[in-house]
């Protein structure tokens, strides 16, 4: 997704939540600085031919995986890495999930698509240096040189948008429940519900004919 296509939705999200574009841009520059001397993988190296399975963090994740399995490339949204029982091909994370498992998977070869936004600058400083495997940096705002914005808002819908941008023709969703949010300790469940509504909207916009729920 080109940033010009994503920007109108991005501005709506900023307005809806009262987020700061300036903070997003500062976070993007921070991520660029943290990765300045690192080799960044290219999106082309992650190209998907055929199918992909995207795992979210819903309460239904384990049941979905047992019932429907995994097809094609496996993409894990943040905290789902610690619950899926296998190493994913790609991790999409803003670093507020089970970081130890994500770092371990990255060291084992999982590509970490690390996302910068205005609320996670401290997490970027703390954890980005610990990812020693393949890394692809993404941002929410207009991307600085060497960083990317494929579109998407939450880890789950960004993983779906990424799968589509990488060429997936069919995207199988596991652990997505838009009616019953999986709320991390200390987080506001109402904010989580509001974020899930945006996630659902974005996923349905990507290419609904390719999504298999």
C-alpha atoms as a PDB file:
ATOM      1  CA  UNK A   1       0.000   0.000   0.000  1.00  0.00           C
ATOM      2  CA  UNK A   2       1.427   3.356  -1.008  1.00  0.00           C
ATOM      3  CA  UNK A   3       1.519   5.955   1.774  1.00  0.00           C
ATOM      4  CA  UNK A   4      -0.749   8.247  -0.243  1.00  0.00           C
ATOM      5  CA  UNK A   5      -3.387   5.484  -0.110  1.00  0.00           C
ATOM      6  CA  UNK A   6      -2.865   4.892   3.606  1.00  0.00           C
ATOM      7  CA  UNK A   7      -2.630   8.535   4.727  1.00  0.00           C
ATOM      8  CA  UNK A   8      -6.378   9.379   4.733  1.00  0.00           C
ATOM      9  CA  UNK A   9      -7.105   6.408   7.039  1.00  0.00           C
ATOM     10  CA  UNK A  10      -4.060   7.245   9.118  1.00  0.00           C
ATOM     11  CA  UNK A  11      -5.337  10.786   9.681  1.00  0.00           C
ATOM     12  CA  UNK A  12      -8.745   9.406  10.684  1.00  0.00           C
ATOM     13  CA  UNK A  13      -7.102   7.117  13.229  1.00  0.00           C
ATOM     14  CA  UNK A  14      -5.043   9.962  14.678  1.00  0.00           C
ATOM     15  CA  UNK A  15      -8.198  12.020  15.091  1.00  0.00           C
ATOM     16  CA  UNK A  16     -10.222   9.114  16.492  1.00  0.00           C
ATOM     17  CA  UNK A  17      -7.714   8.305  19.249  1.00  0.00           C
ATOM     18  CA  UNK A  18      -6.103  11.699  19.756  1.00  0.00           C
ATOM     19  CA  UNK A  19      -2.694  10.341  18.748  1.00  0.00           C
ATOM     20  CA  UNK A  20       0.170  12.654  17.797  1.00  0.00           C
ATOM     21  CA  UNK A  21       1.598  12.615  14.286  1.00  0.00           C
ATOM     22  CA  UNK A  22       4.700  14.353  15.615  1.00  0.00           C
ATOM     23  CA  UNK A  23       5.262  11.508  18.084  1.00  0.00           C
ATOM     24  CA  UNK A  24       4.850   8.937  15.319  1.00  0.00           C
ATOM     25  CA  UNK A  25       7.469  10.768  13.265  1.00  0.00           C
ATOM     26  CA  UNK A  26       9.865  10.995  16.225  1.00  0.00           C
ATOM     27  CA  UNK A  27       9.444   7.269  16.832  1.00  0.00           C
ATOM     28  CA  UNK A  28      10.122   6.550  13.148  1.00  0.00           C
ATOM     29  CA  UNK A  29      13.355   8.560  13.283  1.00  0.00           C
ATOM     30  CA  UNK A  30      14.357   6.749  16.477  1.00  0.00           C
ATOM     31  CA  UNK A  31      13.869   3.350  14.843  1.00  0.00           C
ATOM     32  CA  UNK A  32      15.897   4.485  11.846  1.00  0.00           C
ATOM     33  CA  UNK A  33      18.712   5.562  14.175  1.00  0.00           C
ATOM     34  CA  UNK A  34      18.634   2.321  16.165  1.00  0.00           C
ATOM     35  CA  UNK A  35      19.009   0.351  12.949  1.00  0.00           C
ATOM     36  CA  UNK A  36      21.503   2.664  11.260  1.00  0.00           C
ATOM     37  CA  UNK A  37      24.362   0.164  11.298  1.00  0.00           C
ATOM     38  CA  UNK A  38      22.223  -2.932  10.834  1.00  0.00           C
ATOM     39  CA  UNK A  39      21.542  -4.814   7.632  1.00  0.00           C
ATOM     40  CA  UNK A  40      17.846  -4.435   6.883  1.00  0.00           C
ATOM     41  CA  UNK A  41      16.150  -7.127   4.835  1.00  0.00           C
ATOM     42  CA  UNK A  42      14.066  -6.119   1.845  1.00  0.00           C
ATOM     43  CA  UNK A  43      10.340  -6.805   1.402  1.00  0.00           C
ATOM     44  CA  UNK A  44      11.266  -8.709  -1.761  1.00  0.00           C
ATOM     45  CA  UNK A  45      13.141 -11.253   0.363  1.00  0.00           C
ATOM     46  CA  UNK A  46       9.859 -12.060   2.133  1.00  0.00           C
ATOM     47  CA  UNK A  47       7.724 -12.518  -0.974  1.00  0.00           C
ATOM     48  CA  UNK A  48       4.803 -14.903  -0.542  1.00  0.00           C
ATOM     49  CA  UNK A  49       3.633 -17.153  -3.332  1.00  0.00           C
ATOM     50  CA  UNK A  50       0.178 -18.596  -2.774  1.00  0.00           C
ATOM     51  CA  UNK A  51      -1.206 -18.796   0.728  1.00  0.00           C
ATOM     52  CA  UNK A  52      -0.424 -17.295   4.127  1.00  0.00           C
ATOM     53  CA  UNK A  53      -1.779 -17.854   7.622  1.00  0.00           C
ATOM     54  CA  UNK A  54      -1.940 -14.848   9.928  1.00  0.00           C
ATOM     55  CA  UNK A  55      -2.242 -15.484  13.664  1.00  0.00           C
ATOM     56  CA  UNK A  56      -3.799 -12.875  15.928  1.00  0.00           C
ATOM     57  CA  UNK A  57      -3.988 -12.854  19.712  1.00  0.00           C
ATOM     58  CA  UNK A  58      -7.677 -13.642  20.187  1.00  0.00           C
ATOM     59  CA  UNK A  59      -8.835 -16.134  22.813  1.00  0.00           C
ATOM     60  CA  UNK A  60      -9.702 -18.463  19.933  1.00  0.00           C
ATOM     61  CA  UNK A  61      -6.123 -18.781  18.611  1.00  0.00           C
ATOM     62  CA  UNK A  62      -5.335 -22.245  19.959  1.00  0.00           C
ATOM     63  CA  UNK A  63      -8.743 -23.620  18.952  1.00  0.00           C
ATOM     64  CA  UNK A  64      -8.399 -22.182  15.441  1.00  0.00           C
ATOM     65  CA  UNK A  65      -4.945 -23.663  14.973  1.00  0.00           C
ATOM     66  CA  UNK A  66      -6.077 -27.078  16.165  1.00  0.00           C
ATOM     67  CA  UNK A  67      -9.196 -27.033  14.010  1.00  0.00           C
ATOM     68  CA  UNK A  68      -7.918 -25.433  10.807  1.00  0.00           C
ATOM     69  CA  UNK A  69      -4.125 -25.731  10.920  1.00  0.00           C
ATOM     70  CA  UNK A  70      -1.572 -23.614   9.091  1.00  0.00           C
ATOM     71  CA  UNK A  71      -1.460 -23.068   5.340  1.00  0.00           C
ATOM     72  CA  UNK A  72       1.411 -21.433   3.521  1.00  0.00           C
ATOM     73  CA  UNK A  73       3.662 -18.858   5.132  1.00  0.00           C
ATOM     74  CA  UNK A  74       3.040 -18.313   8.838  1.00  0.00           C
ATOM     75  CA  UNK A  75       2.808 -14.721  10.061  1.00  0.00           C
ATOM     76  CA  UNK A  76       2.421 -14.060  13.786  1.00  0.00           C
ATOM     77  CA  UNK A  77       1.072 -10.830  15.232  1.00  0.00           C
ATOM     78  CA  UNK A  78       3.081  -9.921  18.337  1.00  0.00           C
ATOM     79  CA  UNK A  79       1.885 -11.899  21.388  1.00  0.00           C
ATOM     80  CA  UNK A  80       0.624 -14.855  19.352  1.00  0.00           C
ATOM     81  CA  UNK A  81       4.269 -15.973  18.967  1.00  0.00           C
ATOM     82  CA  UNK A  82       4.257 -17.322  22.532  1.00  0.00           C
ATOM     83  CA  UNK A  83       0.997 -19.248  22.052  1.00  0.00           C
ATOM     84  CA  UNK A  84       1.237 -20.931  18.666  1.00  0.00           C
ATOM     85  CA  UNK A  85       3.677 -23.766  19.430  1.00  0.00           C
ATOM     86  CA  UNK A  86       5.827 -23.301  16.338  1.00  0.00           C
ATOM     87  CA  UNK A  87       8.246 -20.726  14.958  1.00  0.00           C
ATOM     88  CA  UNK A  88       6.622 -18.344  12.461  1.00  0.00           C
ATOM     89  CA  UNK A  89       8.162 -17.201   9.217  1.00  0.00           C
ATOM     90  CA  UNK A  90       7.394 -13.556  10.016  1.00  0.00           C
ATOM     91  CA  UNK A  91       6.664 -11.704  13.267  1.00  0.00           C
ATOM     92  CA  UNK A  92       4.766  -8.409  13.134  1.00  0.00           C
ATOM     93  CA  UNK A  93       5.365  -6.548  16.393  1.00  0.00           C
ATOM     94  CA  UNK A  94       5.294  -3.189  18.119  1.00  0.00           C
ATOM     95  CA  UNK A  95       7.195  -4.851  20.983  1.00  0.00           C
ATOM     96  CA  UNK A  96       4.488  -4.966  23.642  1.00  0.00           C
ATOM     97  CA  UNK A  97       3.919  -8.737  23.549  1.00  0.00           C
ATOM     98  CA  UNK A  98       6.021 -11.635  24.848  1.00  0.00           C
ATOM     99  CA  UNK A  99       9.330 -10.142  23.775  1.00  0.00           C
ATOM    100  CA  UNK A 100      11.526 -13.028  24.928  1.00  0.00           C
ATOM    101  CA  UNK A 101       9.760 -15.448  22.576  1.00  0.00           C
ATOM    102  CA  UNK A 102       9.947 -12.966  19.707  1.00  0.00           C
ATOM    103  CA  UNK A 103      13.690 -12.421  20.195  1.00  0.00           C
ATOM    104  CA  UNK A 104      14.204 -16.186  20.375  1.00  0.00           C
ATOM    105  CA  UNK A 105      12.207 -16.782  17.186  1.00  0.00           C
ATOM    106  CA  UNK A 106      14.079 -13.978  15.407  1.00  0.00           C
ATOM    107  CA  UNK A 107      17.418 -15.511  16.414  1.00  0.00           C
ATOM    108  CA  UNK A 108      16.149 -18.775  14.911  1.00  0.00           C
ATOM    109  CA  UNK A 109      15.396 -17.151  11.561  1.00  0.00           C
ATOM    110  CA  UNK A 110      11.948 -15.548  11.860  1.00  0.00           C
ATOM    111  CA  UNK A 111      11.884 -12.151  10.162  1.00  0.00           C
ATOM    112  CA  UNK A 112      10.894  -9.472  12.697  1.00  0.00           C
ATOM    113  CA  UNK A 113       8.809  -6.676  11.211  1.00  0.00           C
ATOM    114  CA  UNK A 114       9.344  -4.130  13.978  1.00  0.00           C
ATOM    115  CA  UNK A 115       6.896  -1.229  14.080  1.00  0.00           C
ATOM    116  CA  UNK A 116       7.447   2.292  15.415  1.00  0.00           C
ATOM    117  CA  UNK A 117       4.619   4.504  16.657  1.00  0.00           C
ATOM    118  CA  UNK A 118       4.333   7.383  19.090  1.00  0.00           C
ATOM    119  CA  UNK A 119       3.619   5.225  22.145  1.00  0.00           C
ATOM    120  CA  UNK A 120       6.487   2.727  21.927  1.00  0.00           C
ATOM    121  CA  UNK A 121       9.681   4.769  21.842  1.00  0.00           C
ATOM    122  CA  UNK A 122      10.874   3.382  25.185  1.00  0.00           C
ATOM    123  CA  UNK A 123      10.231  -0.170  23.975  1.00  0.00           C
ATOM    124  CA  UNK A 124      12.186   0.498  20.785  1.00  0.00           C
ATOM    125  CA  UNK A 125      15.192   1.719  22.778  1.00  0.00           C
ATOM    126  CA  UNK A 126      15.046  -1.267  25.104  1.00  0.00           C
ATOM    127  CA  UNK A 127      14.396  -4.131  22.719  1.00  0.00           C
ATOM    128  CA  UNK A 128      15.472  -3.340  19.148  1.00  0.00           C
ATOM    129  CA  UNK A 129      19.176  -3.932  19.950  1.00  0.00           C
ATOM    130  CA  UNK A 130      18.259  -7.434  21.187  1.00  0.00           C
ATOM    131  CA  UNK A 131      16.897  -8.573  17.818  1.00  0.00           C
ATOM    132  CA  UNK A 132      19.917 -10.114  16.116  1.00  0.00           C
ATOM    133  CA  UNK A 133      18.140 -11.890  13.254  1.00  0.00           C
ATOM    134  CA  UNK A 134      16.509 -10.494  10.089  1.00  0.00           C
ATOM    135  CA  UNK A 135      14.632  -7.218  10.675  1.00  0.00           C
ATOM    136  CA  UNK A 136      12.285  -5.156   8.505  1.00  0.00           C
ATOM    137  CA  UNK A 137      11.337  -1.784  10.078  1.00  0.00           C
ATOM    138  CA  UNK A 138       7.881  -0.275   9.622  1.00  0.00           C
ATOM    139  CA  UNK A 139       6.244   2.959  10.705  1.00  0.00           C
ATOM    140  CA  UNK A 140       2.789   4.482  10.989  1.00  0.00           C
ATOM    141  CA  UNK A 141       3.613   7.847   9.407  1.00  0.00           C
ATOM    142  CA  UNK A 142       5.380   8.733   6.161  1.00  0.00           C
ATOM    143  CA  UNK A 143       8.401   6.413   6.208  1.00  0.00           C
ATOM    144  CA  UNK A 144      11.928   7.834   6.414  1.00  0.00           C
ATOM    145  CA  UNK A 145      14.486   6.452   3.960  1.00  0.00           C
ATOM    146  CA  UNK A 146      15.087   2.757   4.565  1.00  0.00           C
ATOM    147  CA  UNK A 147      11.878   2.217   6.547  1.00  0.00           C
ATOM    148  CA  UNK A 148       8.492   1.071   5.266  1.00  0.00           C
ATOM    149  CA  UNK A 149       4.789   1.700   5.698  1.00  0.00           C
ATOM    150  CA  UNK A 150       2.598  -1.030   4.220  1.00  0.00           C
ATOM    151  CA  UNK A 151      -0.533   0.286   5.948  1.00  0.00           C
ATOM    152  CA  UNK A 152      -2.458  -1.051   8.900  1.00  0.00           C
ATOM    153  CA  UNK A 153      -2.938  -0.026  12.519  1.00  0.00           C
ATOM    154  CA  UNK A 154      -2.879  -2.887  15.043  1.00  0.00           C
ATOM    155  CA  UNK A 155      -0.393  -5.749  14.861  1.00  0.00           C
ATOM    156  CA  UNK A 156      -3.106  -8.080  13.563  1.00  0.00           C
ATOM    157  CA  UNK A 157      -4.406  -6.012  10.675  1.00  0.00           C
ATOM    158  CA  UNK A 158      -0.882  -4.831   9.790  1.00  0.00           C
ATOM    159  CA  UNK A 159       0.082  -8.501   9.476  1.00  0.00           C
ATOM    160  CA  UNK A 160      -2.811  -9.053   7.068  1.00  0.00           C
ATOM    161  CA  UNK A 161      -1.946  -5.964   5.009  1.00  0.00           C
ATOM    162  CA  UNK A 162       1.681  -7.085   4.942  1.00  0.00           C
ATOM    163  CA  UNK A 163       0.707 -10.554   3.715  1.00  0.00           C
ATOM    164  CA  UNK A 164      -1.274  -8.987   0.892  1.00  0.00           C
ATOM    165  CA  UNK A 165       1.551  -6.605  -0.028  1.00  0.00           C
ATOM    166  CA  UNK A 166       4.006  -9.513  -0.091  1.00  0.00           C
ATOM    167  CA  UNK A 167       1.894 -11.322  -2.652  1.00  0.00           C
ATOM    168  CA  UNK A 168      -0.363 -13.702  -0.713  1.00  0.00           C
ATOM    169  CA  UNK A 169      -3.340 -14.760  -2.820  1.00  0.00           C
ATOM    170  CA  UNK A 170      -5.227 -16.370   0.069  1.00  0.00           C
ATOM    171  CA  UNK A 171      -4.942 -15.213   3.675  1.00  0.00           C
ATOM    172  CA  UNK A 172      -6.172 -17.528   6.420  1.00  0.00           C
ATOM    173  CA  UNK A 173      -6.948 -15.862   9.741  1.00  0.00           C
ATOM    174  CA  UNK A 174      -6.396 -17.644  13.067  1.00  0.00           C
ATOM    175  CA  UNK A 175      -7.043 -16.106  16.465  1.00  0.00           C
ATOM    176  CA  UNK A 176      -9.061 -13.134  15.238  1.00  0.00           C
ATOM    177  CA  UNK A 177     -12.148 -12.344  17.337  1.00  0.00           C
ATOM    178  CA  UNK A 178     -13.365  -8.792  16.848  1.00  0.00           C
ATOM    179  CA  UNK A 179     -16.177  -9.146  19.391  1.00  0.00           C
ATOM    180  CA  UNK A 180     -14.114 -10.376  22.354  1.00  0.00           C
ATOM    181  CA  UNK A 181     -10.828  -8.509  22.735  1.00  0.00           C
ATOM    182  CA  UNK A 182      -7.834 -10.169  24.359  1.00  0.00           C
ATOM    183  CA  UNK A 183      -6.835  -7.388  26.754  1.00  0.00           C
ATOM    184  CA  UNK A 184      -3.327  -7.210  28.206  1.00  0.00           C
ATOM    185  CA  UNK A 185      -2.995  -6.478  31.939  1.00  0.00           C
ATOM    186  CA  UNK A 186      -3.330  -2.800  32.754  1.00  0.00           C
ATOM    187  CA  UNK A 187      -4.889  -1.885  29.394  1.00  0.00           C
ATOM    188  CA  UNK A 188      -8.262  -0.240  28.830  1.00  0.00           C
ATOM    189  CA  UNK A 189     -10.679  -2.803  27.309  1.00  0.00           C
ATOM    190  CA  UNK A 190     -12.737  -0.048  25.664  1.00  0.00           C
ATOM    191  CA  UNK A 191      -9.687   1.257  23.810  1.00  0.00           C
ATOM    192  CA  UNK A 192      -8.926  -2.310  22.730  1.00  0.00           C
ATOM    193  CA  UNK A 193     -12.477  -2.740  21.383  1.00  0.00           C
ATOM    194  CA  UNK A 194     -12.164   0.512  19.470  1.00  0.00           C
ATOM    195  CA  UNK A 195      -8.845  -0.623  17.993  1.00  0.00           C
ATOM    196  CA  UNK A 196     -10.416  -3.925  16.934  1.00  0.00           C
ATOM    197  CA  UNK A 197     -13.147  -2.080  15.064  1.00  0.00           C
ATOM    198  CA  UNK A 198     -10.446  -0.301  13.089  1.00  0.00           C
ATOM    199  CA  UNK A 199      -8.591  -3.573  12.570  1.00  0.00           C
ATOM    200  CA  UNK A 200     -11.726  -5.206  11.184  1.00  0.00           C
ATOM    201  CA  UNK A 201     -12.386  -2.257   8.882  1.00  0.00           C
ATOM    202  CA  UNK A 202      -8.841  -2.316   7.520  1.00  0.00           C
ATOM    203  CA  UNK A 203      -8.819  -6.090   7.006  1.00  0.00           C
ATOM    204  CA  UNK A 204     -12.103  -5.944   5.110  1.00  0.00           C
ATOM    205  CA  UNK A 205     -10.698  -3.198   2.890  1.00  0.00           C
ATOM    206  CA  UNK A 206      -7.495  -5.036   1.956  1.00  0.00           C
ATOM    207  CA  UNK A 207      -9.037  -7.641  -0.318  1.00  0.00           C
ATOM    208  CA  UNK A 208     -12.059  -9.361   1.169  1.00  0.00           C
ATOM    209  CA  UNK A 209     -12.231 -12.006  -1.547  1.00  0.00           C
ATOM    210  CA  UNK A 210      -8.824 -13.333  -0.510  1.00  0.00           C
ATOM    211  CA  UNK A 211      -9.566 -13.562   3.212  1.00  0.00           C
ATOM    212  CA  UNK A 212     -10.616 -16.895   4.644  1.00  0.00           C
ATOM    213  CA  UNK A 213     -11.945 -16.509   8.193  1.00  0.00           C
END
